[in-house]
Protein backbone atom coordinates (compact mmCIF):
# COMPACT_ATOMS: atom_id res chain seq x y z
CA UNK A 1 50.00 -130.08 -98.65
CA UNK A 2 53.13 -128.01 -99.22
CA UNK A 3 56.11 -129.05 -97.15
CA UNK A 4 56.75 -127.04 -94.01
CA UNK A 5 60.11 -125.35 -93.39
CA UNK A 6 62.99 -127.66 -92.66
CA UNK A 7 64.02 -125.99 -89.40
CA UNK A 8 62.28 -125.48 -86.04
CA UNK A 9 58.98 -123.62 -86.11
CA UNK A 10 56.98 -121.76 -83.49
CA UNK A 11 53.55 -120.13 -83.55
CA UNK A 12 52.20 -117.12 -81.70
CA UNK A 13 48.39 -117.05 -81.47
CA UNK A 14 46.92 -113.65 -80.59
CA UNK A 15 43.99 -114.29 -78.26
CA UNK A 16 43.90 -111.41 -75.78
CA UNK A 17 40.92 -109.41 -76.98
CA UNK A 18 37.47 -108.92 -75.55
CA UNK A 19 35.81 -108.19 -78.87
CA UNK A 20 33.58 -105.26 -77.88
CA UNK A 21 31.31 -105.68 -80.89
CA UNK A 22 30.52 -109.27 -79.84
CA UNK A 23 28.38 -107.70 -77.05
CA UNK A 24 29.41 -110.45 -74.65
CA UNK A 25 31.59 -110.87 -71.55
CA UNK A 26 33.22 -113.96 -73.05
CA UNK A 27 36.78 -113.65 -74.42
CA UNK A 28 36.39 -113.20 -78.15
CA UNK A 29 38.26 -116.40 -79.11
CA UNK A 30 35.95 -118.56 -76.97
CA UNK A 31 32.88 -117.75 -79.05
CA UNK A 32 31.78 -120.96 -80.69
CA UNK A 33 31.38 -122.04 -84.30
CA UNK A 34 29.66 -125.40 -84.79
CA UNK A 35 29.87 -125.99 -81.03
CA UNK A 36 33.65 -125.39 -80.72
CA UNK A 37 35.47 -122.26 -79.49
CA UNK A 38 37.06 -120.70 -82.55
CA UNK A 39 40.55 -120.71 -81.03
CA UNK A 40 40.30 -124.50 -80.67
CA UNK A 41 39.51 -124.83 -84.38
CA UNK A 42 42.73 -122.95 -85.18
CA UNK A 43 44.79 -124.85 -82.60
CA UNK A 44 43.60 -128.19 -83.96
CA UNK A 45 45.18 -127.18 -87.28
CA UNK A 46 48.42 -125.92 -85.69
CA UNK A 47 48.71 -129.09 -83.61
CA UNK A 48 48.46 -131.25 -86.74
CA UNK A 49 51.27 -129.19 -88.30
CA UNK A 50 53.56 -130.16 -85.39
CA UNK A 51 54.93 -126.79 -84.31
CA UNK A 52 57.81 -127.02 -81.85
CA UNK A 53 56.38 -124.23 -79.68
CA UNK A 54 52.94 -122.63 -79.60
CA UNK A 55 52.50 -119.51 -77.47
CA UNK A 56 48.96 -118.22 -76.96
CA UNK A 57 48.85 -114.54 -75.97
CA UNK A 58 45.96 -113.99 -73.57
CA UNK A 59 44.50 -110.94 -71.86
CA UNK A 60 40.79 -110.32 -71.27
CA UNK A 61 39.58 -113.08 -68.90
CA UNK A 62 42.73 -115.01 -69.84
CA UNK A 63 42.14 -117.62 -67.15
CA UNK A 64 39.06 -118.77 -69.09
CA UNK A 65 41.17 -119.23 -72.22
CA UNK A 66 43.83 -121.12 -70.25
CA UNK A 67 41.16 -123.42 -68.86
CA UNK A 68 39.60 -124.00 -72.29
CA UNK A 69 43.00 -124.92 -73.77
CA UNK A 70 44.24 -127.05 -70.88
CA UNK A 71 44.48 -130.13 -73.13
CA UNK A 72 46.59 -128.43 -75.82
CA UNK A 73 50.42 -128.43 -75.91
CA UNK A 74 50.65 -124.65 -75.64
CA UNK A 75 52.33 -122.03 -73.47
CA UNK A 76 50.70 -118.76 -72.43
CA UNK A 77 51.90 -115.15 -72.40
CA UNK A 78 49.87 -112.37 -70.81
CA UNK A 79 49.03 -109.08 -72.50
CA UNK A 80 47.56 -107.16 -69.57
CA UNK A 81 46.86 -104.05 -71.67
CA UNK A 82 45.83 -104.38 -75.31
CA UNK A 83 48.17 -101.90 -77.01
CA UNK A 84 48.31 -103.44 -80.48
CA UNK A 85 49.50 -106.51 -82.36
CA UNK A 86 53.24 -105.78 -82.05
CA UNK A 87 52.80 -105.29 -78.31
CA UNK A 88 50.96 -108.63 -78.16
CA UNK A 89 53.82 -110.46 -79.89
CA UNK A 90 56.29 -108.71 -77.59
CA UNK A 91 54.58 -110.42 -74.65
CA UNK A 92 55.99 -113.74 -75.93
CA UNK A 93 59.51 -112.35 -75.57
CA UNK A 94 60.36 -114.53 -72.56
CA UNK A 95 59.38 -117.72 -74.39
CA UNK A 96 60.66 -116.93 -77.87
CA UNK A 97 63.41 -114.28 -77.97
CA UNK A 98 66.16 -116.96 -78.03
CA UNK A 99 64.27 -119.28 -80.42
CA UNK A 100 66.10 -119.99 -83.69
CA UNK A 101 63.64 -120.80 -86.43
CA UNK A 102 60.50 -119.64 -88.22
CA UNK A 103 57.65 -118.09 -86.26
CA UNK A 104 54.07 -117.99 -87.50
CA UNK A 105 51.95 -115.17 -86.09
CA UNK A 106 48.20 -115.63 -86.44
CA UNK A 107 44.97 -114.42 -84.86
CA UNK A 108 42.83 -116.59 -82.61
CA UNK A 109 39.70 -115.11 -84.18
CA UNK A 110 40.66 -116.33 -87.69
CA UNK A 111 39.79 -119.98 -87.11
CA UNK A 112 39.66 -121.47 -90.59
CA UNK A 113 43.24 -121.06 -91.82
CA UNK A 114 43.93 -124.39 -93.50
CA UNK A 115 46.98 -126.62 -93.25
CA UNK A 116 47.53 -126.07 -96.98
CA UNK A 117 47.51 -122.28 -96.66
CA UNK A 118 49.86 -122.23 -93.67
CA UNK A 119 52.12 -124.74 -95.42
CA UNK A 120 52.24 -122.59 -98.57
CA UNK A 121 52.98 -119.44 -96.56
CA UNK A 122 55.88 -121.12 -94.78
CA UNK A 123 57.19 -122.73 -97.97
CA UNK A 124 57.25 -119.37 -99.83
CA UNK A 125 58.96 -117.83 -96.81
CA UNK A 126 61.73 -120.43 -96.97
CA UNK A 127 62.00 -120.55 -100.78
CA UNK A 128 62.39 -116.78 -101.20
CA UNK A 129 64.87 -116.37 -98.34
CA UNK A 130 62.61 -113.67 -96.88
CA UNK A 131 62.97 -112.55 -93.26
CA UNK A 132 59.20 -112.05 -93.12
CA UNK A 133 56.31 -113.20 -95.30
CA UNK A 134 52.76 -111.88 -95.19
CA UNK A 135 49.67 -113.88 -96.12
CA UNK A 136 47.45 -111.53 -98.10
CA UNK A 137 43.95 -111.74 -99.56
CA UNK A 138 42.14 -109.93 -102.34
CA UNK A 139 38.75 -108.60 -101.29
CA UNK A 140 36.12 -106.87 -103.41
CA UNK A 141 35.55 -104.50 -100.50
CA UNK A 142 38.84 -103.98 -98.60
CA UNK A 143 37.40 -101.31 -96.26
CA UNK A 144 38.91 -101.48 -92.79
CA UNK A 145 41.84 -103.71 -93.74
CA UNK A 146 45.53 -102.82 -93.97
CA UNK A 147 46.60 -102.48 -97.63
CA UNK A 148 49.47 -104.38 -99.18
CA UNK A 149 51.98 -102.06 -100.87
CA UNK A 150 54.19 -104.21 -103.07
CA UNK A 151 57.68 -103.31 -104.24
CA UNK A 152 56.74 -102.54 -107.85
CA UNK A 153 55.27 -105.60 -109.57
CA UNK A 154 57.29 -108.05 -107.50
CA UNK A 155 56.21 -110.61 -104.90
CA UNK A 156 58.01 -108.55 -102.28
CA UNK A 157 56.46 -106.15 -99.87
CA UNK A 158 57.41 -102.56 -99.18
CA UNK A 159 54.79 -101.60 -96.62
CA UNK A 160 51.41 -102.41 -95.10
CA UNK A 161 49.29 -99.32 -94.51
CA UNK A 162 46.36 -99.51 -92.11
CA UNK A 163 43.06 -98.27 -93.54
CA UNK A 164 42.85 -95.31 -91.15
CA UNK A 165 46.37 -94.20 -92.10
CA UNK A 166 45.99 -94.78 -95.86
CA UNK A 167 45.76 -92.13 -98.56
CA UNK A 168 42.90 -92.29 -101.07
CA UNK A 169 45.33 -93.79 -103.59
CA UNK A 170 46.40 -96.59 -101.22
CA UNK A 171 42.76 -97.25 -100.30
CA UNK A 172 42.14 -98.24 -103.94
CA UNK A 173 44.35 -101.32 -103.40
CA UNK A 174 42.22 -104.45 -102.98
CA UNK A 175 45.01 -106.71 -101.70
CA UNK A 176 44.90 -106.68 -97.91
CA UNK A 177 46.85 -107.94 -94.95
CA UNK A 178 45.26 -111.07 -93.46
CA UNK A 179 47.06 -110.61 -90.13
CA UNK A 180 48.94 -113.90 -90.64
CA UNK A 181 52.74 -113.76 -91.00
CA UNK A 182 55.89 -115.85 -90.96
CA UNK A 183 59.06 -114.36 -89.55
CA UNK A 184 62.64 -115.33 -89.06
CA UNK A 185 62.24 -115.30 -85.29
CA UNK A 186 65.55 -113.57 -84.53
CA UNK A 187 64.74 -110.81 -87.02
CA UNK A 188 61.25 -110.40 -85.56
CA UNK A 189 62.46 -109.90 -82.00
CA UNK A 190 65.36 -107.81 -83.32
CA UNK A 191 63.02 -105.13 -84.71
CA UNK A 192 59.91 -105.36 -82.55
CA UNK A 193 61.32 -102.90 -80.01
CA UNK A 194 61.74 -100.31 -82.80
CA UNK A 195 57.99 -100.15 -83.51
CA UNK A 196 56.22 -97.03 -82.23
CA UNK A 197 52.57 -96.04 -81.83
CA UNK A 198 52.69 -92.95 -84.04
CA UNK A 199 49.54 -93.70 -86.06
CA UNK A 200 45.81 -92.94 -86.21
CA UNK A 201 44.92 -95.55 -83.57
CA UNK A 202 47.86 -94.96 -81.22
CA UNK A 203 48.73 -98.67 -81.30
CA UNK A 204 51.88 -100.71 -81.83
CA UNK A 205 51.21 -102.42 -85.19
CA UNK A 206 53.02 -105.63 -86.07
CA UNK A 207 52.68 -104.54 -89.69
CA UNK A 208 55.25 -101.80 -89.03
CA UNK A 209 57.87 -104.57 -88.77
CA UNK A 210 57.49 -104.92 -92.56
CA UNK A 211 58.46 -101.29 -93.19
CA UNK A 212 61.38 -101.49 -90.75
CA UNK A 213 62.75 -104.73 -92.23
CA UNK A 214 62.34 -103.40 -95.79
CA UNK A 215 64.13 -100.21 -94.74
CA UNK A 216 67.08 -102.34 -93.60
CA UNK A 217 67.32 -103.80 -97.10
CA UNK A 218 65.86 -107.17 -96.07
CA UNK A 219 63.40 -109.20 -98.12
CA UNK A 220 59.75 -109.28 -97.08
CA UNK A 221 57.61 -111.57 -99.26
CA UNK A 222 53.85 -111.70 -99.80
CA UNK A 223 51.70 -114.64 -100.83
CA UNK A 224 47.96 -114.30 -101.62
CA UNK A 225 45.63 -116.80 -99.96
CA UNK A 226 43.90 -118.95 -102.59
CA UNK A 227 40.70 -119.06 -100.51
CA UNK A 228 40.13 -115.55 -99.12
CA UNK A 229 37.27 -116.79 -96.90
CA UNK A 230 39.90 -118.65 -94.82
CA UNK A 231 41.33 -115.39 -93.53
CA UNK A 232 37.99 -113.89 -92.51
CA UNK A 233 38.11 -112.76 -88.92
CA UNK A 234 35.27 -112.36 -86.45
CA UNK A 235 34.39 -108.94 -85.05
CA UNK A 236 30.66 -109.35 -84.53
CA UNK A 237 28.02 -112.02 -83.98
CA UNK A 238 26.89 -111.47 -87.58
CA UNK A 239 30.38 -112.31 -88.87
CA UNK A 240 30.45 -115.36 -86.59
CA UNK A 241 27.22 -116.62 -88.13
CA UNK A 242 28.47 -115.87 -91.64
CA UNK A 243 31.65 -117.92 -91.07
CA UNK A 244 29.58 -120.80 -89.67
CA UNK A 245 27.58 -120.82 -92.91
CA UNK A 246 30.69 -120.68 -95.12
CA UNK A 247 32.45 -123.51 -93.32
CA UNK A 248 29.96 -126.29 -92.63
CA UNK A 249 30.59 -128.24 -89.44
């Protein structure tokens, strides 16, 4: 596995959603794959990577998530209203605003991120001197995903455009945002308040941090995931079953 960054590292796990398409009253991240809630599968990996702080952002029936994760070395932040991914990260302000180090942001419904992939993301982040690094994936059908807009042919990122906000030209791009990022924590919390909800979904997108940081002349790197199936999220029971088949228990 690639070495992790040399300095302190924190993780923010986004786990506040209900997951309407799951057709269930259970918090989305507590749906099980091979008999384990998917957020536990992810947290097992993060725990092995020895993060200094792990903050789980909870919302819908958050008490159930707290109870399920009682044995994990994590802290909790509440997102009472789900107003987007940037808003979710903002809820960890109290725990992390003064943290000096690298912060991984990942989704609790993307359970099969591997140690190797997270290690590579963090290593590229450190090696390039980027203030933020996005884990991308190349999909045959990128419909619905935010598109990666690189700075020319480089490994640096200019923008991430959500599918609903993308032009036809941008929608031709097959490299997509996986929703997993590394940030210089001070830079992250320095720009998160600048993000607005002026977009097709009226949400505060974490991806807008990329455009803001790039606009300040700062480096934002991108690294494609070698195993795109690892970044598959779960939005329906069908996708849950598909992931269970891909990753045998």
